[in-house]
Amino acid sequence: MPIAWFDKPKNASGSLSARLASDCHTVNSLITTFYSILVQSLTTLVAGIIIAFIYEWRTSLVAVGLLPIIVFSGMIHMAFTQGFSDKTDKAYKESSSLITEAMNYIRTVTSFGSEDIIERKYEVRLQGPMNFGVKKGIVSGLMYGFTQIAMFFIFGLVFYLGIVFMVRNNLAVDNVFTAIYAVLFSGMTAGNNGHFMPDAAAAKHSAANIFEILDEKD
């Protein structure tokens, strides 16, 4: 890049160093971890649904019809996480840029006795990420609670309807429960991998930052 490109505040050495330190690592986690977990979840879910329909299609149809509730709650959780990741990432880069620039010119900072000033500015810039982190924790907790409520509601409803179908249609007990557990356990396995979603949101944002630099014109 030309020299003038580095004069822009967003391209300061501190900001670029922060990108190298964090963005590349999170993008690597997206490639090596997230997609493998995603494939595992999808294959488990598909296999569980197929097994369930083989044993008892009525109960399986009800269970599959209720699964979008969990998926929808997970999508909402993902959307909130993506928004918080964008804001905290920008705030951390600003604070990293300040402290890196201060360390690069530490002789000047020490000569003017400005260590306390830099410390106060750094503390102020860290307030933003801390506030975003608190909000993210509250929202993530509420969304996780909603997901758990939806999951146990589905469990109770599917077991109730499975018993109703079993009594009315004189179905075999093992077929009904095999279908129920096949769908529910495959759904639980896919849902338990949801804690990787915040990492995916941060990694996607980091990838966008990296490609923004690579695609930028001189």
N, C-alpha and C. Protein backbone atom coordinates (compact mmCIF):
# COMPACT_ATOMS: atom_id res chain seq x y z
N MET A 1 0.84 -1.19 0.00
CA MET A 1 0.00 0.00 0.00
C MET A 1 0.88 1.25 0.00
N PRO A 2 0.39 2.34 -0.60
CA PRO A 2 1.16 3.58 -0.57
C PRO A 2 1.23 4.14 0.84
N ILE A 3 2.18 5.05 1.07
CA ILE A 3 2.39 5.60 2.40
C ILE A 3 1.14 6.31 2.91
N ALA A 4 0.43 7.00 2.03
CA ALA A 4 -0.77 7.74 2.46
C ALA A 4 -1.83 6.82 3.03
N TRP A 5 -1.84 5.56 2.61
CA TRP A 5 -2.84 4.61 3.11
C TRP A 5 -2.67 4.37 4.60
N PHE A 6 -1.41 4.37 5.08
CA PHE A 6 -1.14 4.14 6.49
C PHE A 6 -1.41 5.37 7.36
N ASP A 7 -1.62 6.53 6.72
CA ASP A 7 -1.93 7.74 7.48
C ASP A 7 -3.38 7.78 7.93
N LYS A 8 -4.23 6.93 7.37
CA LYS A 8 -5.63 6.89 7.79
C LYS A 8 -5.72 6.27 9.19
N PRO A 9 -6.57 6.81 10.05
CA PRO A 9 -6.66 6.29 11.43
C PRO A 9 -6.98 4.80 11.49
N LYS A 10 -7.85 4.32 10.59
CA LYS A 10 -8.22 2.90 10.64
C LYS A 10 -7.09 1.98 10.20
N ASN A 11 -6.07 2.57 9.53
CA ASN A 11 -4.94 1.76 9.06
C ASN A 11 -3.67 2.01 9.87
N ALA A 12 -3.84 2.53 11.08
CA ALA A 12 -2.68 2.75 11.94
C ALA A 12 -2.06 1.41 12.32
N SER A 13 -0.81 1.47 12.73
CA SER A 13 -0.09 0.23 13.03
C SER A 13 -0.77 -0.57 14.14
N GLY A 14 -1.32 0.13 15.12
CA GLY A 14 -1.99 -0.57 16.21
C GLY A 14 -3.22 -1.33 15.74
N SER A 15 -4.02 -0.68 14.86
CA SER A 15 -5.21 -1.33 14.34
C SER A 15 -4.85 -2.53 13.47
N LEU A 16 -3.84 -2.37 12.63
CA LEU A 16 -3.42 -3.47 11.76
C LEU A 16 -2.85 -4.63 12.58
N SER A 17 -2.10 -4.30 13.62
CA SER A 17 -1.57 -5.36 14.49
C SER A 17 -2.69 -6.12 15.19
N ALA A 18 -3.71 -5.39 15.60
CA ALA A 18 -4.85 -6.04 16.25
C ALA A 18 -5.56 -6.99 15.29
N ARG A 19 -5.63 -6.59 14.02
CA ARG A 19 -6.27 -7.46 13.04
C ARG A 19 -5.46 -8.74 12.84
N LEU A 20 -4.14 -8.58 12.76
CA LEU A 20 -3.30 -9.76 12.60
C LEU A 20 -3.39 -10.68 13.81
N ALA A 21 -3.53 -10.08 14.99
CA ALA A 21 -3.55 -10.87 16.23
C ALA A 21 -4.87 -11.58 16.44
N SER A 22 -5.98 -10.95 16.04
CA SER A 22 -7.30 -11.52 16.36
C SER A 22 -8.05 -12.03 15.15
N ASP A 23 -8.09 -11.24 14.08
CA ASP A 23 -8.93 -11.60 12.93
C ASP A 23 -8.49 -12.89 12.28
N CYS A 24 -7.19 -13.04 12.06
CA CYS A 24 -6.69 -14.26 11.41
C CYS A 24 -6.99 -15.50 12.25
N HIS A 25 -6.88 -15.35 13.57
CA HIS A 25 -7.16 -16.49 14.45
C HIS A 25 -8.63 -16.88 14.40
N THR A 26 -9.53 -15.89 14.42
CA THR A 26 -10.95 -16.20 14.40
C THR A 26 -11.38 -16.76 13.05
N VAL A 27 -10.78 -16.27 11.96
CA VAL A 27 -11.09 -16.83 10.65
C VAL A 27 -10.64 -18.29 10.58
N ASN A 28 -9.48 -18.59 11.15
CA ASN A 28 -9.00 -19.97 11.17
C ASN A 28 -9.97 -20.88 11.94
N SER A 29 -10.52 -20.35 13.04
CA SER A 29 -11.49 -21.15 13.81
C SER A 29 -12.76 -21.39 13.00
N LEU A 30 -13.14 -20.43 12.16
CA LEU A 30 -14.32 -20.61 11.31
C LEU A 30 -14.11 -21.75 10.33
N ILE A 31 -12.92 -21.83 9.74
CA ILE A 31 -12.65 -22.85 8.73
C ILE A 31 -12.46 -24.22 9.37
N THR A 32 -11.72 -24.29 10.47
CA THR A 32 -11.34 -25.58 11.04
C THR A 32 -12.38 -26.16 12.00
N THR A 33 -13.15 -25.30 12.66
CA THR A 33 -14.07 -25.77 13.70
C THR A 33 -15.52 -25.67 13.30
N PHE A 34 -15.94 -24.48 12.87
CA PHE A 34 -17.37 -24.22 12.69
C PHE A 34 -17.97 -25.11 11.61
N TYR A 35 -17.32 -25.21 10.47
CA TYR A 35 -17.91 -25.96 9.37
C TYR A 35 -17.94 -27.47 9.66
N SER A 36 -16.95 -27.97 10.37
CA SER A 36 -17.00 -29.38 10.74
C SER A 36 -18.16 -29.66 11.69
N ILE A 37 -18.37 -28.76 12.64
CA ILE A 37 -19.50 -28.91 13.57
C ILE A 37 -20.82 -28.78 12.81
N LEU A 38 -20.86 -27.87 11.84
CA LEU A 38 -22.09 -27.69 11.06
C LEU A 38 -22.44 -28.95 10.28
N VAL A 39 -21.45 -29.55 9.63
CA VAL A 39 -21.69 -30.79 8.88
C VAL A 39 -22.12 -31.91 9.83
N GLN A 40 -21.48 -31.98 10.99
CA GLN A 40 -21.85 -33.00 11.97
C GLN A 40 -23.29 -32.83 12.42
N SER A 41 -23.70 -31.60 12.68
CA SER A 41 -25.07 -31.34 13.15
C SER A 41 -26.09 -31.69 12.07
N LEU A 42 -25.81 -31.30 10.83
CA LEU A 42 -26.76 -31.55 9.75
C LEU A 42 -26.91 -33.05 9.48
N THR A 43 -25.79 -33.76 9.43
CA THR A 43 -25.87 -35.20 9.17
C THR A 43 -26.57 -35.94 10.31
N THR A 44 -26.32 -35.52 11.54
CA THR A 44 -27.00 -36.14 12.68
C THR A 44 -28.50 -35.90 12.62
N LEU A 45 -28.88 -34.67 12.29
CA LEU A 45 -30.29 -34.33 12.22
C LEU A 45 -31.00 -35.09 11.12
N VAL A 46 -30.38 -35.16 9.94
CA VAL A 46 -31.00 -35.88 8.81
C VAL A 46 -31.12 -37.37 9.13
N ALA A 47 -30.07 -37.96 9.70
CA ALA A 47 -30.11 -39.38 10.03
C ALA A 47 -31.19 -39.67 11.07
N GLY A 48 -31.31 -38.80 12.08
CA GLY A 48 -32.33 -39.00 13.10
C GLY A 48 -33.74 -38.92 12.53
N ILE A 49 -33.97 -37.97 11.61
CA ILE A 49 -35.30 -37.83 11.01
C ILE A 49 -35.63 -39.05 10.15
N ILE A 50 -34.65 -39.53 9.39
CA ILE A 50 -34.90 -40.71 8.55
C ILE A 50 -35.25 -41.93 9.41
N ILE A 51 -34.49 -42.15 10.47
CA ILE A 51 -34.77 -43.28 11.36
C ILE A 51 -36.15 -43.15 11.99
N ALA A 52 -36.50 -41.93 12.40
CA ALA A 52 -37.80 -41.71 13.04
C ALA A 52 -38.95 -42.03 12.08
N PHE A 53 -38.86 -41.59 10.83
CA PHE A 53 -39.94 -41.84 9.88
C PHE A 53 -40.05 -43.32 9.53
N ILE A 54 -38.95 -44.03 9.59
CA ILE A 54 -39.00 -45.46 9.32
C ILE A 54 -39.82 -46.19 10.39
N TYR A 55 -39.67 -45.77 11.65
CA TYR A 55 -40.34 -46.48 12.75
C TYR A 55 -41.78 -46.00 12.97
N GLU A 56 -42.03 -44.68 12.94
CA GLU A 56 -43.39 -44.19 13.22
C GLU A 56 -43.53 -42.80 12.60
N TRP A 57 -44.25 -42.73 11.49
CA TRP A 57 -44.29 -41.47 10.73
C TRP A 57 -45.16 -40.41 11.36
N ARG A 58 -46.21 -40.78 12.10
CA ARG A 58 -47.11 -39.77 12.66
C ARG A 58 -46.39 -38.94 13.72
N THR A 59 -45.80 -39.62 14.68
CA THR A 59 -45.06 -38.92 15.73
C THR A 59 -43.88 -38.16 15.16
N SER A 60 -43.21 -38.74 14.18
CA SER A 60 -42.07 -38.08 13.56
C SER A 60 -42.49 -36.80 12.86
N LEU A 61 -43.64 -36.84 12.22
CA LEU A 61 -44.13 -35.66 11.50
C LEU A 61 -44.40 -34.51 12.47
N VAL A 62 -44.98 -34.84 13.62
CA VAL A 62 -45.22 -33.81 14.64
C VAL A 62 -43.90 -33.23 15.15
N ALA A 63 -42.95 -34.12 15.46
CA ALA A 63 -41.67 -33.66 15.99
C ALA A 63 -40.92 -32.78 14.99
N VAL A 64 -40.89 -33.20 13.74
CA VAL A 64 -40.20 -32.41 12.71
C VAL A 64 -40.90 -31.08 12.50
N GLY A 65 -42.23 -31.08 12.58
CA GLY A 65 -42.97 -29.84 12.42
C GLY A 65 -42.70 -28.83 13.52
N LEU A 66 -42.32 -29.31 14.71
CA LEU A 66 -42.04 -28.42 15.84
C LEU A 66 -40.58 -27.98 15.91
N LEU A 67 -39.70 -28.67 15.19
CA LEU A 67 -38.27 -28.33 15.23
C LEU A 67 -37.97 -26.90 14.76
N PRO A 68 -38.70 -26.33 13.78
CA PRO A 68 -38.41 -24.95 13.38
C PRO A 68 -38.48 -23.93 14.50
N ILE A 69 -39.20 -24.24 15.58
CA ILE A 69 -39.25 -23.31 16.72
C ILE A 69 -37.86 -23.15 17.31
N ILE A 70 -37.14 -24.28 17.49
CA ILE A 70 -35.78 -24.22 18.01
C ILE A 70 -34.85 -23.53 17.02
N VAL A 71 -35.03 -23.85 15.72
CA VAL A 71 -34.19 -23.23 14.69
C VAL A 71 -34.41 -21.73 14.66
N PHE A 72 -35.66 -21.30 14.77
CA PHE A 72 -35.97 -19.87 14.73
C PHE A 72 -35.36 -19.14 15.93
N SER A 73 -35.45 -19.74 17.11
CA SER A 73 -34.84 -19.12 18.29
C SER A 73 -33.32 -19.04 18.14
N GLY A 74 -32.72 -20.07 17.52
CA GLY A 74 -31.28 -20.03 17.29
C GLY A 74 -30.89 -18.94 16.30
N MET A 75 -31.73 -18.71 15.28
CA MET A 75 -31.46 -17.65 14.31
C MET A 75 -31.51 -16.28 14.96
N ILE A 76 -32.48 -16.08 15.86
CA ILE A 76 -32.56 -14.80 16.58
C ILE A 76 -31.33 -14.61 17.44
N HIS A 77 -30.92 -15.67 18.12
CA HIS A 77 -29.71 -15.61 18.95
C HIS A 77 -28.50 -15.24 18.09
N MET A 78 -28.40 -15.85 16.92
CA MET A 78 -27.29 -15.58 16.02
C MET A 78 -27.29 -14.13 15.55
N ALA A 79 -28.47 -13.59 15.25
CA ALA A 79 -28.56 -12.21 14.78
C ALA A 79 -28.11 -11.23 15.86
N PHE A 80 -28.54 -11.44 17.10
CA PHE A 80 -28.10 -10.57 18.20
C PHE A 80 -26.60 -10.67 18.40
N THR A 81 -26.07 -11.89 18.33
CA THR A 81 -24.64 -12.09 18.53
C THR A 81 -23.82 -11.41 17.46
N GLN A 82 -24.29 -11.48 16.21
CA GLN A 82 -23.59 -10.84 15.10
C GLN A 82 -23.49 -9.34 15.32
N GLY A 83 -24.61 -8.72 15.76
CA GLY A 83 -24.59 -7.29 15.99
C GLY A 83 -23.62 -6.88 17.10
N PHE A 84 -23.61 -7.62 18.20
CA PHE A 84 -22.70 -7.31 19.29
C PHE A 84 -21.25 -7.55 18.88
N SER A 85 -20.99 -8.56 18.05
CA SER A 85 -19.63 -8.85 17.62
C SER A 85 -19.07 -7.71 16.79
N ASP A 86 -19.90 -7.13 15.92
CA ASP A 86 -19.46 -6.02 15.10
C ASP A 86 -19.04 -4.83 15.96
N LYS A 87 -19.85 -4.52 16.97
CA LYS A 87 -19.58 -3.34 17.80
C LYS A 87 -18.36 -3.55 18.70
N THR A 88 -18.27 -4.70 19.33
CA THR A 88 -17.14 -4.95 20.23
C THR A 88 -15.84 -5.05 19.46
N ASP A 89 -15.87 -5.60 18.25
CA ASP A 89 -14.66 -5.72 17.45
C ASP A 89 -14.11 -4.34 17.11
N LYS A 90 -14.99 -3.43 16.71
CA LYS A 90 -14.56 -2.07 16.38
C LYS A 90 -14.00 -1.36 17.62
N ALA A 91 -14.66 -1.54 18.75
CA ALA A 91 -14.21 -0.88 19.98
C ALA A 91 -12.85 -1.41 20.43
N TYR A 92 -12.63 -2.71 20.34
CA TYR A 92 -11.35 -3.28 20.75
C TYR A 92 -10.22 -2.83 19.82
N LYS A 93 -10.50 -2.67 18.55
CA LYS A 93 -9.47 -2.22 17.62
C LYS A 93 -9.05 -0.77 17.93
N GLU A 94 -10.02 0.05 18.33
CA GLU A 94 -9.69 1.44 18.69
C GLU A 94 -8.79 1.48 19.93
N SER A 95 -9.11 0.68 20.92
CA SER A 95 -8.28 0.67 22.14
C SER A 95 -6.91 0.07 21.85
N SER A 96 -6.84 -0.96 21.02
CA SER A 96 -5.55 -1.55 20.66
C SER A 96 -4.68 -0.57 19.89
N SER A 97 -5.31 0.21 19.02
CA SER A 97 -4.56 1.21 18.26
C SER A 97 -3.95 2.26 19.18
N LEU A 98 -4.72 2.69 20.19
CA LEU A 98 -4.21 3.70 21.13
C LEU A 98 -3.00 3.18 21.89
N ILE A 99 -3.10 2.00 22.46
CA ILE A 99 -2.01 1.49 23.30
C ILE A 99 -0.78 1.13 22.48
N THR A 100 -0.98 0.69 21.24
CA THR A 100 0.16 0.36 20.38
C THR A 100 0.92 1.61 19.98
N GLU A 101 0.17 2.66 19.62
CA GLU A 101 0.81 3.92 19.26
C GLU A 101 1.58 4.50 20.46
N ALA A 102 1.00 4.36 21.65
CA ALA A 102 1.67 4.86 22.85
C ALA A 102 2.97 4.11 23.11
N MET A 103 2.96 2.80 22.90
CA MET A 103 4.17 2.02 23.11
C MET A 103 5.23 2.30 22.04
N ASN A 104 4.79 2.58 20.82
CA ASN A 104 5.75 2.91 19.76
C ASN A 104 6.48 4.22 20.05
N TYR A 105 5.77 5.14 20.66
CA TYR A 105 6.36 6.45 20.97
C TYR A 105 6.46 6.64 22.48
N ILE A 106 6.92 5.60 23.16
CA ILE A 106 6.96 5.62 24.61
C ILE A 106 7.92 6.68 25.13
N ARG A 107 8.99 6.98 24.37
CA ARG A 107 9.93 8.02 24.81
C ARG A 107 9.25 9.38 24.87
N THR A 108 8.44 9.67 23.85
CA THR A 108 7.71 10.95 23.84
C THR A 108 6.69 10.99 24.97
N VAL A 109 6.00 9.91 25.17
CA VAL A 109 5.00 9.86 26.25
C VAL A 109 5.65 10.07 27.60
N THR A 110 6.80 9.41 27.81
CA THR A 110 7.50 9.54 29.10
C THR A 110 8.08 10.93 29.27
N SER A 111 8.58 11.51 28.19
CA SER A 111 9.19 12.85 28.27
C SER A 111 8.18 13.88 28.75
N PHE A 112 6.96 13.77 28.31
CA PHE A 112 5.92 14.72 28.71
C PHE A 112 5.15 14.25 29.95
N GLY A 113 5.52 13.12 30.51
CA GLY A 113 4.84 12.62 31.69
C GLY A 113 3.37 12.33 31.46
N SER A 114 3.07 11.77 30.30
CA SER A 114 1.66 11.56 29.90
C SER A 114 1.18 10.12 30.13
N GLU A 115 1.90 9.37 30.96
CA GLU A 115 1.48 7.98 31.17
C GLU A 115 0.07 7.88 31.75
N ASP A 116 -0.23 8.75 32.72
CA ASP A 116 -1.56 8.72 33.33
C ASP A 116 -2.64 9.11 32.33
N ILE A 117 -2.32 10.04 31.44
CA ILE A 117 -3.30 10.45 30.43
C ILE A 117 -3.62 9.30 29.49
N ILE A 118 -2.56 8.59 29.05
CA ILE A 118 -2.77 7.45 28.16
C ILE A 118 -3.57 6.36 28.87
N GLU A 119 -3.26 6.16 30.15
CA GLU A 119 -3.98 5.14 30.91
C GLU A 119 -5.45 5.47 31.02
N ARG A 120 -5.76 6.75 31.28
CA ARG A 120 -7.17 7.15 31.40
C ARG A 120 -7.89 7.02 30.05
N LYS A 121 -7.23 7.41 28.98
CA LYS A 121 -7.85 7.28 27.66
C LYS A 121 -8.10 5.81 27.31
N TYR A 122 -7.13 4.97 27.67
CA TYR A 122 -7.28 3.54 27.40
C TYR A 122 -8.44 2.95 28.21
N GLU A 123 -8.56 3.41 29.46
CA GLU A 123 -9.66 2.93 30.30
C GLU A 123 -11.00 3.36 29.74
N VAL A 124 -11.07 4.61 29.23
CA VAL A 124 -12.33 5.09 28.65
C VAL A 124 -12.71 4.28 27.42
N ARG A 125 -11.71 3.96 26.59
CA ARG A 125 -12.00 3.21 25.37
C ARG A 125 -12.37 1.76 25.66
N LEU A 126 -11.98 1.26 26.81
CA LEU A 126 -12.37 -0.11 27.19
C LEU A 126 -13.76 -0.17 27.82
N GLN A 127 -14.32 1.00 28.16
CA GLN A 127 -15.66 1.00 28.72
C GLN A 127 -16.69 0.50 27.71
N GLY A 128 -16.49 0.88 26.44
CA GLY A 128 -17.42 0.45 25.41
C GLY A 128 -17.49 -1.06 25.28
N PRO A 129 -16.34 -1.75 25.07
CA PRO A 129 -16.39 -3.22 25.00
C PRO A 129 -16.96 -3.87 26.26
N MET A 130 -16.68 -3.29 27.42
CA MET A 130 -17.21 -3.87 28.66
C MET A 130 -18.74 -3.76 28.68
N ASN A 131 -19.28 -2.59 28.29
CA ASN A 131 -20.73 -2.41 28.27
C ASN A 131 -21.38 -3.33 27.24
N PHE A 132 -20.74 -3.45 26.07
CA PHE A 132 -21.27 -4.36 25.06
C PHE A 132 -21.23 -5.80 25.56
N GLY A 133 -20.16 -6.15 26.30
CA GLY A 133 -20.06 -7.51 26.83
C GLY A 133 -21.16 -7.82 27.83
N VAL A 134 -21.50 -6.85 28.68
CA VAL A 134 -22.58 -7.05 29.65
C VAL A 134 -23.91 -7.23 28.93
N LYS A 135 -24.17 -6.36 27.92
CA LYS A 135 -25.42 -6.47 27.16
C LYS A 135 -25.49 -7.80 26.41
N LYS A 136 -24.34 -8.19 25.84
CA LYS A 136 -24.31 -9.45 25.11
C LYS A 136 -24.60 -10.63 26.03
N GLY A 137 -24.06 -10.59 27.25
CA GLY A 137 -24.31 -11.66 28.20
C GLY A 137 -25.77 -11.75 28.59
N ILE A 138 -26.41 -10.59 28.81
CA ILE A 138 -27.82 -10.58 29.19
C ILE A 138 -28.69 -11.11 28.05
N VAL A 139 -28.46 -10.58 26.83
CA VAL A 139 -29.27 -11.01 25.69
C VAL A 139 -29.03 -12.49 25.39
N SER A 140 -27.77 -12.92 25.43
CA SER A 140 -27.48 -14.33 25.16
C SER A 140 -28.14 -15.23 26.20
N GLY A 141 -28.13 -14.80 27.47
CA GLY A 141 -28.78 -15.58 28.51
C GLY A 141 -30.29 -15.70 28.30
N LEU A 142 -30.92 -14.58 27.92
CA LEU A 142 -32.37 -14.60 27.67
C LEU A 142 -32.70 -15.49 26.47
N MET A 143 -31.90 -15.36 25.40
CA MET A 143 -32.16 -16.17 24.22
C MET A 143 -31.91 -17.66 24.50
N TYR A 144 -30.89 -17.95 25.31
CA TYR A 144 -30.63 -19.35 25.68
C TYR A 144 -31.79 -19.89 26.50
N GLY A 145 -32.32 -19.08 27.41
CA GLY A 145 -33.47 -19.50 28.19
C GLY A 145 -34.69 -19.76 27.32
N PHE A 146 -34.90 -18.87 26.33
CA PHE A 146 -36.02 -19.08 25.41
C PHE A 146 -35.85 -20.36 24.62
N THR A 147 -34.61 -20.64 24.19
CA THR A 147 -34.34 -21.87 23.44
C THR A 147 -34.63 -23.11 24.29
N GLN A 148 -34.23 -23.06 25.58
CA GLN A 148 -34.47 -24.20 26.46
C GLN A 148 -35.96 -24.39 26.73
N ILE A 149 -36.69 -23.28 26.90
CA ILE A 149 -38.14 -23.38 27.10
C ILE A 149 -38.80 -24.02 25.89
N ALA A 150 -38.41 -23.56 24.70
CA ALA A 150 -38.98 -24.11 23.47
C ALA A 150 -38.66 -25.60 23.35
N MET A 151 -37.43 -25.98 23.71
CA MET A 151 -37.02 -27.37 23.59
C MET A 151 -37.83 -28.28 24.51
N PHE A 152 -37.98 -27.89 25.77
CA PHE A 152 -38.72 -28.74 26.70
C PHE A 152 -40.22 -28.72 26.41
N PHE A 153 -40.71 -27.61 25.87
CA PHE A 153 -42.11 -27.58 25.43
C PHE A 153 -42.33 -28.59 24.31
N ILE A 154 -41.40 -28.64 23.37
CA ILE A 154 -41.49 -29.60 22.28
C ILE A 154 -41.41 -31.03 22.81
N PHE A 155 -40.48 -31.27 23.74
CA PHE A 155 -40.36 -32.60 24.34
C PHE A 155 -41.70 -33.07 24.93
N GLY A 156 -42.29 -32.22 25.76
CA GLY A 156 -43.54 -32.59 26.41
C GLY A 156 -44.67 -32.84 25.42
N LEU A 157 -44.78 -31.96 24.42
CA LEU A 157 -45.86 -32.10 23.44
C LEU A 157 -45.69 -33.35 22.59
N VAL A 158 -44.44 -33.63 22.17
CA VAL A 158 -44.20 -34.81 21.33
C VAL A 158 -44.48 -36.09 22.12
N PHE A 159 -44.05 -36.16 23.38
CA PHE A 159 -44.33 -37.36 24.19
C PHE A 159 -45.83 -37.54 24.39
N TYR A 160 -46.55 -36.45 24.63
CA TYR A 160 -47.99 -36.54 24.83
C TYR A 160 -48.69 -37.05 23.57
N LEU A 161 -48.36 -36.44 22.42
CA LEU A 161 -48.99 -36.86 21.17
C LEU A 161 -48.57 -38.26 20.77
N GLY A 162 -47.31 -38.64 21.09
CA GLY A 162 -46.88 -40.00 20.81
C GLY A 162 -47.71 -41.02 21.55
N ILE A 163 -48.03 -40.75 22.82
CA ILE A 163 -48.87 -41.66 23.60
C ILE A 163 -50.29 -41.70 23.04
N VAL A 164 -50.79 -40.51 22.61
CA VAL A 164 -52.14 -40.48 22.02
C VAL A 164 -52.19 -41.33 20.75
N PHE A 165 -51.20 -41.17 19.88
CA PHE A 165 -51.16 -41.99 18.66
C PHE A 165 -51.03 -43.47 18.98
N MET A 166 -50.26 -43.77 20.00
CA MET A 166 -50.03 -45.16 20.37
C MET A 166 -51.32 -45.81 20.86
N VAL A 167 -52.11 -45.07 21.62
CA VAL A 167 -53.36 -45.62 22.15
C VAL A 167 -54.43 -45.74 21.07
N ARG A 168 -54.57 -44.70 20.25
CA ARG A 168 -55.64 -44.68 19.26
C ARG A 168 -55.38 -45.62 18.08
N ASN A 169 -54.12 -45.80 17.70
CA ASN A 169 -53.80 -46.59 16.52
C ASN A 169 -53.19 -47.95 16.86
N ASN A 170 -53.17 -48.26 18.16
CA ASN A 170 -52.64 -49.55 18.61
C ASN A 170 -51.21 -49.77 18.07
N LEU A 171 -50.36 -48.78 18.27
CA LEU A 171 -48.99 -48.84 17.78
C LEU A 171 -48.09 -49.52 18.80
N ALA A 172 -46.99 -50.06 18.32
CA ALA A 172 -46.01 -50.69 19.21
C ALA A 172 -45.28 -49.62 20.01
N VAL A 173 -45.08 -49.90 21.28
CA VAL A 173 -44.44 -48.92 22.16
C VAL A 173 -43.02 -48.61 21.71
N ASP A 174 -42.27 -49.66 21.33
CA ASP A 174 -40.87 -49.43 20.97
C ASP A 174 -40.74 -48.61 19.69
N ASN A 175 -41.69 -48.76 18.74
CA ASN A 175 -41.64 -47.97 17.51
C ASN A 175 -41.87 -46.49 17.80
N VAL A 176 -42.84 -46.20 18.64
CA VAL A 176 -43.15 -44.80 18.97
C VAL A 176 -41.99 -44.14 19.69
N PHE A 177 -41.46 -44.83 20.69
CA PHE A 177 -40.37 -44.21 21.46
C PHE A 177 -39.07 -44.14 20.66
N THR A 178 -38.85 -45.09 19.75
CA THR A 178 -37.69 -45.01 18.88
C THR A 178 -37.78 -43.78 17.98
N ALA A 179 -38.96 -43.53 17.43
CA ALA A 179 -39.15 -42.35 16.58
C ALA A 179 -38.97 -41.07 17.38
N ILE A 180 -39.52 -41.03 18.60
CA ILE A 180 -39.40 -39.82 19.42
C ILE A 180 -37.95 -39.53 19.76
N TYR A 181 -37.26 -40.54 20.25
CA TYR A 181 -35.87 -40.33 20.67
C TYR A 181 -34.95 -40.05 19.48
N ALA A 182 -35.25 -40.63 18.33
CA ALA A 182 -34.41 -40.38 17.15
C ALA A 182 -34.46 -38.90 16.76
N VAL A 183 -35.66 -38.33 16.75
CA VAL A 183 -35.80 -36.92 16.39
C VAL A 183 -35.26 -36.01 17.48
N LEU A 184 -35.65 -36.29 18.73
CA LEU A 184 -35.29 -35.39 19.82
C LEU A 184 -33.79 -35.40 20.10
N PHE A 185 -33.18 -36.58 20.08
CA PHE A 185 -31.75 -36.62 20.37
C PHE A 185 -30.92 -36.04 19.23
N SER A 186 -31.37 -36.23 18.00
CA SER A 186 -30.66 -35.60 16.89
C SER A 186 -30.82 -34.08 16.96
N GLY A 187 -32.02 -33.62 17.34
CA GLY A 187 -32.21 -32.18 17.51
C GLY A 187 -31.40 -31.62 18.67
N MET A 188 -31.32 -32.39 19.77
CA MET A 188 -30.51 -31.95 20.91
C MET A 188 -29.03 -31.87 20.54
N THR A 189 -28.55 -32.84 19.76
CA THR A 189 -27.15 -32.82 19.35
C THR A 189 -26.85 -31.59 18.51
N ALA A 190 -27.76 -31.30 17.58
CA ALA A 190 -27.57 -30.10 16.75
C ALA A 190 -27.67 -28.84 17.59
N GLY A 191 -28.59 -28.84 18.57
CA GLY A 191 -28.74 -27.66 19.41
C GLY A 191 -27.58 -27.45 20.36
N ASN A 192 -26.99 -28.53 20.86
CA ASN A 192 -25.86 -28.40 21.78
C ASN A 192 -24.63 -27.82 21.11
N ASN A 193 -24.56 -27.92 19.79
CA ASN A 193 -23.44 -27.32 19.06
C ASN A 193 -23.65 -25.83 18.82
N GLY A 194 -24.78 -25.31 19.30
CA GLY A 194 -25.07 -23.90 19.08
C GLY A 194 -24.12 -22.95 19.79
N HIS A 195 -23.37 -23.44 20.79
CA HIS A 195 -22.46 -22.54 21.49
C HIS A 195 -21.28 -22.15 20.62
N PHE A 196 -21.13 -22.78 19.43
CA PHE A 196 -20.10 -22.36 18.50
C PHE A 196 -20.57 -21.18 17.65
N MET A 197 -21.85 -20.84 17.69
CA MET A 197 -22.37 -19.78 16.84
C MET A 197 -21.75 -18.41 17.11
N PRO A 198 -21.55 -18.01 18.37
CA PRO A 198 -20.90 -16.71 18.58
C PRO A 198 -19.52 -16.62 17.94
N ASP A 199 -18.73 -17.73 17.98
CA ASP A 199 -17.43 -17.74 17.32
C ASP A 199 -17.58 -17.57 15.82
N ALA A 200 -18.64 -18.16 15.25
CA ALA A 200 -18.86 -18.03 13.82
C ALA A 200 -19.19 -16.59 13.46
N ALA A 201 -19.99 -15.92 14.29
CA ALA A 201 -20.34 -14.52 14.03
C ALA A 201 -19.11 -13.63 14.05
N ALA A 202 -18.27 -13.82 15.05
CA ALA A 202 -17.04 -13.02 15.13
C ALA A 202 -16.10 -13.34 13.98
N ALA A 203 -16.02 -14.61 13.58
CA ALA A 203 -15.12 -15.01 12.50
C ALA A 203 -15.57 -14.43 11.17
N LYS A 204 -16.87 -14.41 10.93
CA LYS A 204 -17.38 -13.83 9.68
C LYS A 204 -17.08 -12.34 9.62
N HIS A 205 -17.22 -11.67 10.74
CA HIS A 205 -16.90 -10.24 10.76
C HIS A 205 -15.40 -10.02 10.56
N SER A 206 -14.57 -10.86 11.14
CA SER A 206 -13.12 -10.75 10.96
C SER A 206 -12.73 -11.01 9.51
N ALA A 207 -13.38 -11.99 8.88
CA ALA A 207 -13.10 -12.26 7.48
C ALA A 207 -13.45 -11.07 6.60
N ALA A 208 -14.57 -10.42 6.93
CA ALA A 208 -14.95 -9.22 6.17
C ALA A 208 -13.90 -8.12 6.33
N ASN A 209 -13.34 -7.97 7.53
CA ASN A 209 -12.29 -6.96 7.75
C ASN A 209 -11.04 -7.28 6.93
N ILE A 210 -10.66 -8.54 6.90
CA ILE A 210 -9.45 -8.93 6.17
C ILE A 210 -9.63 -8.69 4.67
N PHE A 211 -10.77 -9.11 4.13
CA PHE A 211 -10.99 -8.94 2.69
C PHE A 211 -11.21 -7.47 2.33
N GLU A 212 -11.65 -6.67 3.29
CA GLU A 212 -11.76 -5.23 3.03
C GLU A 212 -10.39 -4.64 2.74
N ILE A 213 -9.38 -5.10 3.48
CA ILE A 213 -8.01 -4.63 3.24
C ILE A 213 -7.47 -5.16 1.90
N LEU A 214 -7.71 -6.46 1.66
CA LEU A 214 -7.18 -7.08 0.44
C LEU A 214 -7.81 -6.49 -0.82
N ASP A 215 -9.10 -6.13 -0.75
CA ASP A 215 -9.81 -5.62 -1.92
C ASP A 215 -9.72 -4.12 -2.08
N GLU A 216 -9.12 -3.45 -1.11
CA GLU A 216 -9.06 -1.98 -1.17
C GLU A 216 -8.08 -1.54 -2.26
N LYS A 217 -8.48 -0.51 -3.00
CA LYS A 217 -7.65 0.02 -4.08
C LYS A 217 -6.58 0.95 -3.49
N ASP A 218 -5.49 1.07 -4.23
CA ASP A 218 -4.42 1.98 -3.79
C ASP A 218 -4.91 3.42 -3.79
